[in-house]
Protein backbone atom coordinates (compact mmCIF):
# COMPACT_ATOMS: atom_id res chain seq x y z
CA MET A 1 -10.39 107.00 164.77
CA THR A 2 -8.40 109.82 163.17
CA GLN A 3 -4.89 109.21 161.95
CA PRO A 4 -2.21 111.33 163.65
CA GLN A 5 -0.87 113.95 161.30
CA GLY A 6 2.84 114.14 160.55
CA ASP A 7 5.05 116.87 161.85
CA PRO A 8 4.44 119.87 159.51
CA LEU A 9 7.90 121.27 160.24
CA ARG A 10 9.58 118.02 159.23
CA SER A 11 7.56 117.82 156.00
CA ALA A 12 8.55 121.39 155.14
CA LEU A 13 12.28 120.78 155.67
CA PRO A 14 13.07 119.72 152.06
CA THR A 15 11.44 122.92 150.74
CA LEU A 16 13.27 125.08 153.26
CA LYS A 17 16.59 123.43 152.46
CA GLY A 18 16.02 124.00 148.75
CA LEU A 19 15.19 127.67 149.37
CA VAL A 20 18.32 128.15 151.49
CA ARG A 21 20.45 126.46 148.83
CA TYR A 22 18.98 128.70 146.11
CA LEU A 23 19.57 131.86 148.16
CA GLN A 24 23.16 130.83 148.84
CA GLU A 25 23.82 130.21 145.16
CA ALA A 26 22.13 133.44 144.14
CA SER A 27 24.12 135.50 146.67
CA SER A 28 27.40 133.95 145.52
CA ARG A 29 26.84 134.82 141.86
CA PRO A 30 28.57 138.01 140.72
CA GLY A 31 26.28 140.85 139.68
CA PRO A 32 26.38 142.07 136.07
CA GLN A 33 28.63 144.99 137.05
CA ASP A 34 31.13 142.59 138.62
CA LEU A 35 31.54 140.30 135.62
CA ARG A 36 34.92 140.32 133.93
CA ALA A 37 35.17 142.43 130.80
CA SER A 38 36.50 141.04 127.53
CA ASP A 39 38.69 142.70 124.91
CA ALA A 40 35.59 143.06 122.72
CA ASP A 41 33.83 144.98 125.53
CA ARG A 42 36.83 147.32 125.90
CA ASP A 43 36.91 147.92 122.13
CA LEU A 44 33.22 148.94 122.14
CA VAL A 45 33.82 151.49 124.88
CA ILE A 46 36.96 152.89 123.25
CA THR A 47 35.04 153.32 119.98
CA LEU A 48 32.41 155.47 121.71
CA LEU A 49 35.11 157.47 123.50
CA SER A 50 36.78 158.20 120.17
CA GLU A 51 33.48 159.32 118.68
CA ALA A 52 32.89 161.60 121.67
CA ALA A 53 36.34 163.14 121.28
CA GLY A 54 35.75 163.62 117.56
CA ASP A 55 32.54 165.60 118.02
CA GLY A 56 33.68 167.63 121.03
CA ARG A 57 31.93 165.86 123.88
CA LEU A 58 35.31 164.97 125.34
CA THR A 59 38.51 166.95 125.37
CA LEU A 60 41.70 165.27 124.24
CA ASP A 61 42.87 164.98 127.84
CA GLU A 62 39.55 163.43 128.90
CA HIS A 63 39.67 161.02 125.98
CA SER A 64 43.23 159.97 126.85
CA GLU A 65 42.38 159.48 130.54
CA ARG A 66 39.20 157.46 129.88
CA SER A 67 40.85 155.37 127.18
CA GLU A 68 43.61 154.36 129.60
CA LYS A 69 41.00 153.40 132.18
CA ALA A 70 39.09 151.40 129.55
CA LEU A 71 42.18 149.44 128.58
CA SER A 72 42.90 148.58 132.22
CA ALA A 73 39.26 147.95 133.23
CA ARG A 74 38.62 144.51 134.66
CA THR A 75 34.83 144.53 135.08
CA LEU A 76 31.80 145.56 133.04
CA GLY A 77 30.87 148.06 135.74
CA GLU A 78 34.17 149.90 135.35
CA LEU A 79 33.60 150.15 131.60
CA ALA A 80 29.98 151.29 131.90
CA ARG A 81 30.95 154.21 134.15
CA LEU A 82 33.28 155.58 131.47
CA THR A 83 30.44 156.19 128.99
CA SER A 84 27.46 156.86 131.27
CA ASP A 85 27.44 160.60 130.40
CA LEU A 86 28.05 160.16 126.68
CA ALA A 87 24.92 158.39 125.44
CA PRO A 88 21.38 157.49 126.54
CA PRO A 89 20.78 153.96 127.89
CA SER A 90 19.77 152.69 124.45
CA GLY A 91 23.09 153.87 122.99
CA GLN A 92 25.43 152.52 125.66
CA PRO A 93 28.01 149.97 124.46
CA ILE A 94 27.65 148.05 127.77
CA ARG A 95 24.09 147.88 129.11
CA LEU A 96 23.71 147.01 132.78
CA TYR A 97 20.02 147.05 133.60
CA PRO A 98 19.11 147.69 137.27
CA SER A 99 16.50 144.92 137.41
CA ARG A 100 16.66 141.27 136.43
CA SER A 101 12.96 141.19 135.54
CA VAL A 102 11.56 142.67 132.33
CA SER A 103 8.02 144.06 132.24
CA ALA A 104 5.93 146.04 129.78
CA LEU A 105 2.56 147.36 130.97
CA PHE A 106 0.83 149.14 128.08
CA ALA A 107 4.33 149.84 126.79
CA ARG A 108 7.30 148.44 124.86
CA GLU A 109 10.46 147.14 126.46
CA ARG A 110 13.61 145.89 124.77
CA ARG A 111 16.87 144.22 125.75
CA GLU A 112 19.59 144.23 123.10
CA GLY A 113 23.26 144.83 122.50
CA ARG A 114 25.84 143.86 125.13
CA TRP A 115 23.51 143.10 128.02
CA VAL A 116 23.98 140.47 130.72
CA VAL A 117 21.48 137.61 130.59
CA PRO A 118 20.55 136.36 134.10
CA SER A 119 20.46 132.62 134.67
CA GLU A 120 16.72 132.90 135.30
CA PHE A 121 14.32 135.85 135.24
CA PRO A 122 10.64 136.74 134.74
CA VAL A 123 9.31 138.52 131.67
CA THR A 124 5.82 139.99 131.91
CA THR A 125 3.75 141.90 129.40
CA PHE A 126 0.23 143.26 129.91
CA PHE A 127 -1.11 144.82 126.70
CA GLY A 128 2.51 145.51 125.75
CA ASP A 129 5.48 144.17 123.79
CA VAL A 130 8.83 142.81 124.97
CA VAL A 131 11.78 142.01 122.71
CA LEU A 132 14.79 140.11 124.03
CA ASP A 133 17.66 140.10 121.54
CA PHE A 134 20.36 137.62 122.57
CA ARG A 135 22.63 137.99 119.52
CA ASP A 136 25.27 140.16 121.25
CA ALA A 137 24.34 139.31 124.83
CA ILE A 138 26.69 138.18 127.60
CA TRP A 139 25.62 134.79 128.93
CA GLN A 140 25.90 134.37 132.69
CA SER A 141 24.93 130.69 132.47
CA LYS A 142 24.75 128.02 129.78
CA ARG A 143 21.12 127.35 130.74
CA VAL A 144 18.73 130.27 131.00
CA VAL A 145 15.20 129.92 132.34
CA ILE A 146 12.66 132.57 131.34
CA TYR A 147 9.25 132.75 133.02
CA ALA A 148 7.25 134.36 130.22
CA SER A 149 3.81 135.73 131.13
CA ALA A 150 1.85 137.46 128.38
CA VAL A 151 -1.65 138.88 128.86
CA ALA A 152 -2.92 140.37 125.60
CA GLY A 153 0.67 141.17 124.73
CA GLN A 154 3.65 139.75 122.88
CA ILE A 155 7.06 138.48 123.96
CA LYS A 156 9.62 137.98 121.21
CA LEU A 157 13.02 136.34 121.61
CA ILE A 158 15.78 136.62 119.00
CA VAL A 159 18.30 133.82 119.47
CA PRO A 160 21.70 133.45 117.72
CA PRO A 161 22.79 130.28 115.92
CA GLY A 162 23.95 127.41 118.11
CA VAL A 163 21.64 128.22 121.02
CA GLY A 164 18.97 125.64 121.83
CA VAL A 165 15.40 126.54 122.75
CA GLU A 166 12.99 124.58 124.94
CA MET A 167 9.40 125.80 125.13
CA GLY A 168 6.65 124.68 127.49
CA GLY A 169 4.00 125.88 129.90
CA ARG A 170 0.36 126.92 129.88
CA LEU A 171 -1.43 128.53 126.97
CA THR A 172 -4.93 130.05 127.01
CA LEU A 173 -6.33 131.76 123.91
CA GLY A 174 -2.82 132.57 122.78
CA SER A 175 0.06 131.23 120.73
CA ARG A 176 3.71 130.30 120.99
CA SER A 177 6.19 129.34 118.31
CA VAL A 178 9.85 128.71 117.55
CA ARG A 179 10.95 129.70 114.06
CA GLY A 180 14.13 129.56 112.05
CA ARG A 181 15.45 126.18 113.16
CA ARG A 182 14.69 122.52 113.02
CA SER A 183 12.91 120.91 115.94
CA GLY A 184 14.99 119.86 118.93
CA VAL A 185 18.17 121.19 120.50
CA PRO A 186 21.53 121.36 118.67
CA GLU A 187 23.87 118.46 119.44
CA GLU A 188 26.37 120.73 121.17
CA PRO A 189 24.55 123.99 121.97
CA LYS A 190 26.45 127.03 123.18
CA ALA A 191 23.58 127.64 125.59
CA ILE A 192 19.98 126.60 126.14
CA VAL A 193 17.07 128.98 126.66
CA GLU A 194 14.17 127.36 128.47
CA VAL A 195 10.95 129.35 128.11
CA ARG A 196 8.15 128.54 130.56
CA THR A 197 5.06 130.27 129.23
CA LYS A 198 1.88 131.42 130.89
CA THR A 199 -0.27 133.30 128.40
CA PHE A 200 -3.81 134.59 128.15
CA ALA A 201 -4.70 136.02 124.74
CA GLY A 202 -1.00 136.70 124.27
CA SER A 203 1.89 135.27 122.30
CA VAL A 204 5.46 134.12 122.86
CA LYS A 205 7.61 133.87 119.74
CA VAL A 206 11.20 132.71 119.39
CA THR A 207 13.16 133.42 116.22
CA THR A 208 16.50 131.66 115.76
CA ILE A 209 18.86 133.45 113.38
CA ARG A 210 20.30 131.04 110.88
CA PRO A 211 24.06 131.14 110.28
CA PRO A 212 25.12 132.74 106.99
CA ARG A 213 25.58 130.36 104.12
CA ARG A 214 29.12 129.71 103.06
CA ARG A 215 29.93 130.89 99.59
CA ARG A 216 31.28 128.27 97.30
CA SER A 217 34.72 129.05 96.00
CA ALA A 218 34.88 129.53 92.28
CA SER A 219 36.55 126.65 90.51
């Protein structure tokens, strides 16, 4: 005699509740353009505006107007608009990428400078290279989860001192490594980057920049 099967809708409720909770949290998070700007962000923009005025890309009136807006800007989006016509994307002081995901298909892709790190995002390379440089990045969360998929390609992460790294996942005919630090996570990390790998003939490498050595004072 066959056993009666449980209600499929009831068994799916925990998954549905978790999905709804995730969507609510994701929708409530501010986008990169809505994040509050710091004094350091304003200084970067003002520096580029001064350079543009010095070489003739901006008139003195334009420089004065944009500088005032930079000083009063509250969000990263307001700052980014002030320099959008002054430099290519790779030369922008504030870099707001349109997509959370990073992919390189037979190409090279790079994130560096003052870019906003999502709390979790996929990184995919297929016969390509991806570099994620976190040294000057803006952290949206103290824990970042990266879903790293590399097929015959390479993903490289450059992590500043004080940031912990956790690496795990599947590995097929590939390699993964964490260099530049001792094993484990710092006692009080500024943030933690969790890398969940899925590689096939590819590699995922994390390099942690060591803090500069303190010079001994001459006696």
